Amino acid sequence: MSEDPVVRAARAYKRAQDTANARRTDLVEAVVHAVLVDHRRQSEVARLSGYTREHVRRLCREHLDTIEAYEEAHADDEQAGH
């Protein structure tokens, strides 16, 4: 008995979503690295990535906020003797 076409299509769709999510994560990491580490212009990175300049700024800001929160959490651990 062959697999139901709806089930087959749903599985293919889920695989495509997973792949797209992984590629989106790769793109975000590349954008953030380009701006914050390589010091490339946000406008250039926006043009190359297809994101708006505001979205590039938001991604970088979110990344920096995450680092700051991580460092604060670990500073509290160090002060507590952990």
PDB file of N, CA and C in Angstrom:
ATOM      1  N   MET A   1       0.842  -1.181   0.000  1.00  0.00           N
ATOM      2  CA  MET A   1       0.000   0.000   0.000  1.00  0.00           C
ATOM      3  C   MET A   1       0.887   1.245   0.000  1.00  0.00           C
ATOM      4  N   SER A   2       0.616   2.185  -0.885  1.00  0.00           N
ATOM      5  CA  SER A   2       1.436   3.385  -0.972  1.00  0.00           C
ATOM      6  C   SER A   2       0.996   4.410   0.076  1.00  0.00           C
ATOM      7  N   GLU A   3       1.916   5.283   0.385  1.00  0.00           N
ATOM      8  CA  GLU A   3       1.647   6.317   1.387  1.00  0.00           C
ATOM      9  C   GLU A   3       0.594   7.304   0.861  1.00  0.00           C
ATOM     10  N   ASP A   4      -0.237   7.754   1.751  1.00  0.00           N
ATOM     11  CA  ASP A   4      -1.272   8.734   1.414  1.00  0.00           C
ATOM     12  C   ASP A   4      -0.612  10.009   0.874  1.00  0.00           C
ATOM     13  N   PRO A   5      -1.098  10.563  -0.234  1.00  0.00           N
ATOM     14  CA  PRO A   5      -0.485  11.756  -0.810  1.00  0.00           C
ATOM     15  C   PRO A   5      -0.531  12.972   0.117  1.00  0.00           C
ATOM     16  N   VAL A   6      -1.547  13.054   0.961  1.00  0.00           N
ATOM     17  CA  VAL A   6      -1.622  14.169   1.908  1.00  0.00           C
ATOM     18  C   VAL A   6      -0.518  14.039   2.951  1.00  0.00           C
ATOM     19  N   VAL A   7      -0.312  12.833   3.454  1.00  0.00           N
ATOM     20  CA  VAL A   7       0.737  12.586   4.443  1.00  0.00           C
ATOM     21  C   VAL A   7       2.097  12.864   3.817  1.00  0.00           C
ATOM     22  N   ARG A   8       2.311  12.400   2.602  1.00  0.00           N
ATOM     23  CA  ARG A   8       3.578  12.612   1.909  1.00  0.00           C
ATOM     24  C   ARG A   8       3.838  14.110   1.707  1.00  0.00           C
ATOM     25  N   ALA A   9       2.827  14.839   1.272  1.00  0.00           N
ATOM     26  CA  ALA A   9       2.965  16.279   1.052  1.00  0.00           C
ATOM     27  C   ALA A   9       3.205  17.013   2.373  1.00  0.00           C
ATOM     28  N   ALA A  10       2.519  16.608   3.424  1.00  0.00           N
ATOM     29  CA  ALA A  10       2.699  17.241   4.731  1.00  0.00           C
ATOM     30  C   ALA A  10       4.117  17.026   5.250  1.00  0.00           C
ATOM     31  N   ARG A  11       4.648  15.828   5.077  1.00  0.00           N
ATOM     32  CA  ARG A  11       6.026  15.545   5.506  1.00  0.00           C
ATOM     33  C   ARG A  11       7.026  16.368   4.700  1.00  0.00           C
ATOM     34  N   ALA A  12       6.819  16.464   3.401  1.00  0.00           N
ATOM     35  CA  ALA A  12       7.708  17.257   2.552  1.00  0.00           C
ATOM     36  C   ALA A  12       7.660  18.727   2.952  1.00  0.00           C
ATOM     37  N   TYR A  13       6.469  19.203   3.250  1.00  0.00           N
ATOM     38  CA  TYR A  13       6.305  20.595   3.672  1.00  0.00           C
ATOM     39  C   TYR A  13       7.041  20.852   4.984  1.00  0.00           C
ATOM     40  N   LYS A  14       6.921  19.935   5.933  1.00  0.00           N
ATOM     41  CA  LYS A  14       7.608  20.073   7.229  1.00  0.00           C
ATOM     42  C   LYS A  14       9.116  20.081   7.033  1.00  0.00           C
ATOM     43  N   ARG A  15       9.621  19.208   6.163  1.00  0.00           N
ATOM     44  CA  ARG A  15      11.067  19.194   5.891  1.00  0.00           C
ATOM     45  C   ARG A  15      11.513  20.525   5.282  1.00  0.00           C
ATOM     46  N   ALA A  16      10.713  21.060   4.371  1.00  0.00           N
ATOM     47  CA  ALA A  16      11.047  22.339   3.742  1.00  0.00           C
ATOM     48  C   ALA A  16      11.041  23.468   4.771  1.00  0.00           C
ATOM     49  N   GLN A  17      10.078  23.448   5.674  1.00  0.00           N
ATOM     50  CA  GLN A  17      10.031  24.463   6.738  1.00  0.00           C
ATOM     51  C   GLN A  17      11.272  24.372   7.621  1.00  0.00           C
ATOM     52  N   ASP A  18      11.651  23.155   8.002  1.00  0.00           N
ATOM     53  CA  ASP A  18      12.828  22.965   8.843  1.00  0.00           C
ATOM     54  C   ASP A  18      14.088  23.478   8.145  1.00  0.00           C
ATOM     55  N   THR A  19      14.198  23.187   6.856  1.00  0.00           N
ATOM     56  CA  THR A  19      15.347  23.650   6.082  1.00  0.00           C
ATOM     57  C   THR A  19      15.350  25.178   6.000  1.00  0.00           C
ATOM     58  N   ALA A  20      14.193  25.766   5.727  1.00  0.00           N
ATOM     59  CA  ALA A  20      14.094  27.229   5.638  1.00  0.00           C
ATOM     60  C   ALA A  20      14.446  27.881   6.972  1.00  0.00           C
ATOM     61  N   ASN A  21      13.988  27.298   8.069  1.00  0.00           N
ATOM     62  CA  ASN A  21      14.310  27.848   9.395  1.00  0.00           C
ATOM     63  C   ASN A  21      15.806  27.782   9.666  1.00  0.00           C
ATOM     64  N   ALA A  22      16.435  26.697   9.283  1.00  0.00           N
ATOM     65  CA  ALA A  22      17.887  26.566   9.480  1.00  0.00           C
ATOM     66  C   ALA A  22      18.637  27.589   8.634  1.00  0.00           C
ATOM     67  N   ARG A  23      18.219  27.777   7.396  1.00  0.00           N
ATOM     68  CA  ARG A  23      18.874  28.759   6.522  1.00  0.00           C
ATOM     69  C   ARG A  23      18.651  30.177   7.026  1.00  0.00           C
ATOM     70  N   ARG A  24      17.454  30.457   7.567  1.00  0.00           N
ATOM     71  CA  ARG A  24      17.160  31.776   8.125  1.00  0.00           C
ATOM     72  C   ARG A  24      18.079  32.046   9.306  1.00  0.00           C
ATOM     73  N   THR A  25      18.292  31.049  10.150  1.00  0.00           N
ATOM     74  CA  THR A  25      19.202  31.196  11.281  1.00  0.00           C
ATOM     75  C   THR A  25      20.615  31.478  10.783  1.00  0.00           C
ATOM     76  N   ASP A  26      21.046  30.764   9.744  1.00  0.00           N
ATOM     77  CA  ASP A  26      22.372  31.016   9.155  1.00  0.00           C
ATOM     78  C   ASP A  26      22.488  32.447   8.659  1.00  0.00           C
ATOM     79  N   LEU A  27      21.439  32.939   8.002  1.00  0.00           N
ATOM     80  CA  LEU A  27      21.458  34.302   7.467  1.00  0.00           C
ATOM     81  C   LEU A  27      21.524  35.324   8.596  1.00  0.00           C
ATOM     82  N   VAL A  28      20.740  35.135   9.634  1.00  0.00           N
ATOM     83  CA  VAL A  28      20.760  36.062  10.768  1.00  0.00           C
ATOM     84  C   VAL A  28      22.148  36.090  11.398  1.00  0.00           C
ATOM     85  N   GLU A  29      22.751  34.925  11.602  1.00  0.00           N
ATOM     86  CA  GLU A  29      24.093  34.874  12.180  1.00  0.00           C
ATOM     87  C   GLU A  29      25.105  35.588  11.284  1.00  0.00           C
ATOM     88  N   ALA A  30      24.987  35.416   9.983  1.00  0.00           N
ATOM     89  CA  ALA A  30      25.909  36.071   9.052  1.00  0.00           C
ATOM     90  C   ALA A  30      25.713  37.584   9.067  1.00  0.00           C
ATOM     91  N   VAL A  31      24.459  38.031   9.124  1.00  0.00           N
ATOM     92  CA  VAL A  31      24.163  39.461   9.161  1.00  0.00           C
ATOM     93  C   VAL A  31      24.741  40.091  10.428  1.00  0.00           C
ATOM     94  N   VAL A  32      24.484  39.475  11.564  1.00  0.00           N
ATOM     95  CA  VAL A  32      24.973  40.006  12.840  1.00  0.00           C
ATOM     96  C   VAL A  32      26.500  40.028  12.852  1.00  0.00           C
ATOM     97  N   HIS A  33      27.113  38.984  12.388  1.00  0.00           N
ATOM     98  CA  HIS A  33      28.580  38.919  12.349  1.00  0.00           C
ATOM     99  C   HIS A  33      29.138  40.007  11.435  1.00  0.00           C
ATOM    100  N   ALA A  34      28.537  40.182  10.282  1.00  0.00           N
ATOM    101  CA  ALA A  34      29.014  41.176   9.329  1.00  0.00           C
ATOM    102  C   ALA A  34      28.990  42.579   9.929  1.00  0.00           C
ATOM    103  N   VAL A  35      27.928  42.894  10.660  1.00  0.00           N
ATOM    104  CA  VAL A  35      27.799  44.241  11.221  1.00  0.00           C
ATOM    105  C   VAL A  35      28.636  44.401  12.486  1.00  0.00           C
ATOM    106  N   LEU A  36      28.514  43.470  13.415  1.00  0.00           N
ATOM    107  CA  LEU A  36      29.131  43.651  14.732  1.00  0.00           C
ATOM    108  C   LEU A  36      30.597  43.236  14.796  1.00  0.00           C
ATOM    109  N   VAL A  37      30.994  42.275  13.995  1.00  0.00           N
ATOM    110  CA  VAL A  37      32.380  41.798  14.057  1.00  0.00           C
ATOM    111  C   VAL A  37      33.214  42.368  12.911  1.00  0.00           C
ATOM    112  N   ASP A  38      32.665  42.280  11.699  1.00  0.00           N
ATOM    113  CA  ASP A  38      33.404  42.759  10.531  1.00  0.00           C
ATOM    114  C   ASP A  38      33.228  44.259  10.299  1.00  0.00           C
ATOM    115  N   HIS A  39      32.343  44.890  11.061  1.00  0.00           N
ATOM    116  CA  HIS A  39      32.099  46.337  10.988  1.00  0.00           C
ATOM    117  C   HIS A  39      31.678  46.800   9.596  1.00  0.00           C
ATOM    118  N   ARG A  40      30.858  45.977   8.945  1.00  0.00           N
ATOM    119  CA  ARG A  40      30.320  46.367   7.642  1.00  0.00           C
ATOM    120  C   ARG A  40      29.119  47.267   7.849  1.00  0.00           C
ATOM    121  N   ARG A  41      28.853  48.110   6.883  1.00  0.00           N
ATOM    122  CA  ARG A  41      27.746  49.056   6.975  1.00  0.00           C
ATOM    123  C   ARG A  41      26.410  48.319   6.962  1.00  0.00           C
ATOM    124  N   GLN A  42      25.504  48.760   7.835  1.00  0.00           N
ATOM    125  CA  GLN A  42      24.185  48.147   7.895  1.00  0.00           C
ATOM    126  C   GLN A  42      23.473  48.242   6.552  1.00  0.00           C
ATOM    127  N   SER A  43      23.637  49.351   5.856  1.00  0.00           N
ATOM    128  CA  SER A  43      22.964  49.517   4.569  1.00  0.00           C
ATOM    129  C   SER A  43      23.462  48.500   3.550  1.00  0.00           C
ATOM    130  N   GLU A  44      24.760  48.218   3.571  1.00  0.00           N
ATOM    131  CA  GLU A  44      25.315  47.217   2.646  1.00  0.00           C
ATOM    132  C   GLU A  44      24.787  45.829   2.988  1.00  0.00           C
ATOM    133  N   VAL A  45      24.800  45.502   4.268  1.00  0.00           N
ATOM    134  CA  VAL A  45      24.331  44.188   4.708  1.00  0.00           C
ATOM    135  C   VAL A  45      22.841  44.034   4.406  1.00  0.00           C
ATOM    136  N   ALA A  46      22.078  45.098   4.582  1.00  0.00           N
ATOM    137  CA  ALA A  46      20.647  45.050   4.262  1.00  0.00           C
ATOM    138  C   ALA A  46      20.454  44.782   2.776  1.00  0.00           C
ATOM    139  N   ARG A  47      21.199  45.484   1.946  1.00  0.00           N
ATOM    140  CA  ARG A  47      21.068  45.301   0.495  1.00  0.00           C
ATOM    141  C   ARG A  47      21.411  43.875   0.094  1.00  0.00           C
ATOM    142  N   LEU A  48      22.480  43.335   0.666  1.00  0.00           N
ATOM    143  CA  LEU A  48      22.927  41.987   0.302  1.00  0.00           C
ATOM    144  C   LEU A  48      22.001  40.898   0.842  1.00  0.00           C
ATOM    145  N   SER A  49      21.437  41.125   2.010  1.00  0.00           N
ATOM    146  CA  SER A  49      20.613  40.091   2.654  1.00  0.00           C
ATOM    147  C   SER A  49      19.156  40.130   2.219  1.00  0.00           C
ATOM    148  N   GLY A  50      18.705  41.283   1.748  1.00  0.00           N
ATOM    149  CA  GLY A  50      17.288  41.426   1.426  1.00  0.00           C
ATOM    150  C   GLY A  50      16.465  41.917   2.603  1.00  0.00           C
ATOM    151  N   TYR A  51      17.100  42.082   3.754  1.00  0.00           N
ATOM    152  CA  TYR A  51      16.421  42.644   4.917  1.00  0.00           C
ATOM    153  C   TYR A  51      16.415  44.165   4.797  1.00  0.00           C
ATOM    154  N   THR A  52      15.516  44.813   5.524  1.00  0.00           N
ATOM    155  CA  THR A  52      15.555  46.268   5.601  1.00  0.00           C
ATOM    156  C   THR A  52      16.655  46.676   6.576  1.00  0.00           C
ATOM    157  N   ARG A  53      17.081  47.935   6.477  1.00  0.00           N
ATOM    158  CA  ARG A  53      18.094  48.411   7.430  1.00  0.00           C
ATOM    159  C   ARG A  53      17.564  48.335   8.857  1.00  0.00           C
ATOM    160  N   GLU A  54      16.286  48.632   9.040  1.00  0.00           N
ATOM    161  CA  GLU A  54      15.704  48.554  10.379  1.00  0.00           C
ATOM    162  C   GLU A  54      15.736  47.115  10.910  1.00  0.00           C
ATOM    163  N   HIS A  55      15.474  46.148  10.059  1.00  0.00           N
ATOM    164  CA  HIS A  55      15.511  44.757  10.510  1.00  0.00           C
ATOM    165  C   HIS A  55      16.945  44.348  10.876  1.00  0.00           C
ATOM    166  N   VAL A  56      17.919  44.793  10.104  1.00  0.00           N
ATOM    167  CA  VAL A  56      19.330  44.520  10.428  1.00  0.00           C
ATOM    168  C   VAL A  56      19.662  45.123  11.785  1.00  0.00           C
ATOM    169  N   ARG A  57      19.258  46.374  12.009  1.00  0.00           N
ATOM    170  CA  ARG A  57      19.510  47.012  13.313  1.00  0.00           C
ATOM    171  C   ARG A  57      18.852  46.226  14.444  1.00  0.00           C
ATOM    172  N   ARG A  58      17.609  45.788  14.214  1.00  0.00           N
ATOM    173  CA  ARG A  58      16.875  45.039  15.238  1.00  0.00           C
ATOM    174  C   ARG A  58      17.577  43.725  15.563  1.00  0.00           C
ATOM    175  N   LEU A  59      18.038  43.014  14.541  1.00  0.00           N
ATOM    176  CA  LEU A  59      18.741  41.750  14.767  1.00  0.00           C
ATOM    177  C   LEU A  59      20.004  41.965  15.590  1.00  0.00           C
ATOM    178  N   CYS A  60      20.749  43.014  15.261  1.00  0.00           N
ATOM    179  CA  CYS A  60      21.982  43.301  16.005  1.00  0.00           C
ATOM    180  C   CYS A  60      21.668  43.695  17.444  1.00  0.00           C
ATOM    181  N   ARG A  61      20.652  44.514  17.622  1.00  0.00           N
ATOM    182  CA  ARG A  61      20.257  44.937  18.967  1.00  0.00           C
ATOM    183  C   ARG A  61      19.817  43.736  19.803  1.00  0.00           C
ATOM    184  N   GLU A  62      19.019  42.843  19.215  1.00  0.00           N
ATOM    185  CA  GLU A  62      18.577  41.642  19.934  1.00  0.00           C
ATOM    186  C   GLU A  62      19.764  40.773  20.317  1.00  0.00           C
ATOM    187  N   HIS A  63      20.723  40.671  19.412  1.00  0.00           N
ATOM    188  CA  HIS A  63      21.919  39.867  19.696  1.00  0.00           C
ATOM    189  C   HIS A  63      22.691  40.465  20.874  1.00  0.00           C
ATOM    190  N   LEU A  64      22.896  41.784  20.841  1.00  0.00           N
ATOM    191  CA  LEU A  64      23.623  42.444  21.933  1.00  0.00           C
ATOM    192  C   LEU A  64      22.860  42.343  23.247  1.00  0.00           C
ATOM    193  N   ASP A  65      21.540  42.450  23.206  1.00  0.00           N
ATOM    194  CA  ASP A  65      20.732  42.296  24.423  1.00  0.00           C
ATOM    195  C   ASP A  65      20.877  40.895  25.000  1.00  0.00           C
ATOM    196  N   THR A  66      20.938  39.896  24.130  1.00  0.00           N
ATOM    197  CA  THR A  66      21.097  38.507  24.579  1.00  0.00           C
ATOM    198  C   THR A  66      22.447  38.313  25.251  1.00  0.00           C
ATOM    199  N   ILE A  67      23.493  38.881  24.659  1.00  0.00           N
ATOM    200  CA  ILE A  67      24.831  38.777  25.253  1.00  0.00           C
ATOM    201  C   ILE A  67      24.853  39.467  26.613  1.00  0.00           C
ATOM    202  N   GLU A  68      24.266  40.648  26.680  1.00  0.00           N
ATOM    203  CA  GLU A  68      24.236  41.397  27.935  1.00  0.00           C
ATOM    204  C   GLU A  68      23.509  40.617  29.022  1.00  0.00           C
ATOM    205  N   ALA A  69      22.372  40.025  28.690  1.00  0.00           N
ATOM    206  CA  ALA A  69      21.608  39.238  29.666  1.00  0.00           C
ATOM    207  C   ALA A  69      22.412  38.023  30.127  1.00  0.00           C
ATOM    208  N   TYR A  70      23.100  37.379  29.192  1.00  0.00           N
ATOM    209  CA  TYR A  70      23.929  36.217  29.518  1.00  0.00           C
ATOM    210  C   TYR A  70      25.052  36.619  30.476  1.00  0.00           C
ATOM    211  N   GLU A  71      25.713  37.731  30.157  1.00  0.00           N
ATOM    212  CA  GLU A  71      26.820  38.181  31.005  1.00  0.00           C
ATOM    213  C   GLU A  71      26.335  38.574  32.394  1.00  0.00           C
ATOM    214  N   GLU A  72      25.178  39.225  32.466  1.00  0.00           N
ATOM    215  CA  GLU A  72      24.622  39.595  33.765  1.00  0.00           C
ATOM    216  C   GLU A  72      24.288  38.362  34.584  1.00  0.00           C
ATOM    217  N   ALA A  73      23.712  37.362  33.960  1.00  0.00           N
ATOM    218  CA  ALA A  73      23.349  36.136  34.665  1.00  0.00           C
ATOM    219  C   ALA A  73      24.583  35.440  35.205  1.00  0.00           C
ATOM    220  N   HIS A  74      25.638  35.403  34.410  1.00  0.00           N
ATOM    221  CA  HIS A  74      26.852  34.736  34.850  1.00  0.00           C
ATOM    222  C   HIS A  74      27.637  35.567  35.856  1.00  0.00           C
ATOM    223  N   ALA A  75      27.509  36.874  35.815  1.00  0.00           N
ATOM    224  CA  ALA A  75      28.142  37.719  36.828  1.00  0.00           C
ATOM    225  C   ALA A  75      27.500  37.453  38.180  1.00  0.00           C
ATOM    226  N   ASP A  76      26.181  37.255  38.183  1.00  0.00           N
ATOM    227  CA  ASP A  76      25.487  36.922  39.428  1.00  0.00           C
ATOM    228  C   ASP A  76      25.960  35.571  39.955  1.00  0.00           C
ATOM    229  N   ASP A  77      26.202  34.600  39.057  1.00  0.00           N
ATOM    230  CA  ASP A  77      26.688  33.287  39.471  1.00  0.00           C
ATOM    231  C   ASP A  77      28.082  33.407  40.091  1.00  0.00           C
ATOM    232  N   GLU A  78      28.945  34.213  39.485  1.00  0.00           N
ATOM    233  CA  GLU A  78      30.298  34.376  39.996  1.00  0.00           C
ATOM    234  C   GLU A  78      30.294  35.043  41.369  1.00  0.00           C
ATOM    235  N   GLN A  79      29.419  36.016  41.554  1.00  0.00           N
ATOM    236  CA  GLN A  79      29.329  36.700  42.843  1.00  0.00           C
ATOM    237  C   GLN A  79      28.808  35.759  43.911  1.00  0.00           C
ATOM    238  N   ALA A  80      27.983  34.803  43.523  1.00  0.00           N
ATOM    239  CA  ALA A  80      27.425  33.849  44.485  1.00  0.00           C
ATOM    240  C   ALA A  80      28.398  32.704  44.762  1.00  0.00           C
ATOM    241  N   GLY A  81      29.529  32.701  44.044  1.00  0.00           N
ATOM    242  CA  GLY A  81      30.524  31.665  44.278  1.00  0.00           C
ATOM    243  C   GLY A  81      30.328  30.408  43.479  1.00  0.00           C
ATOM    244  N   HIS A  82      29.574  30.473  42.386  1.00  0.00           N
ATOM    245  CA  HIS A  82      29.329  29.309  41.546  1.00  0.00           C
ATOM    246  C   HIS A  82      30.325  29.213  40.441  1.00  0.00           C
TER     247      HIS A  82
END
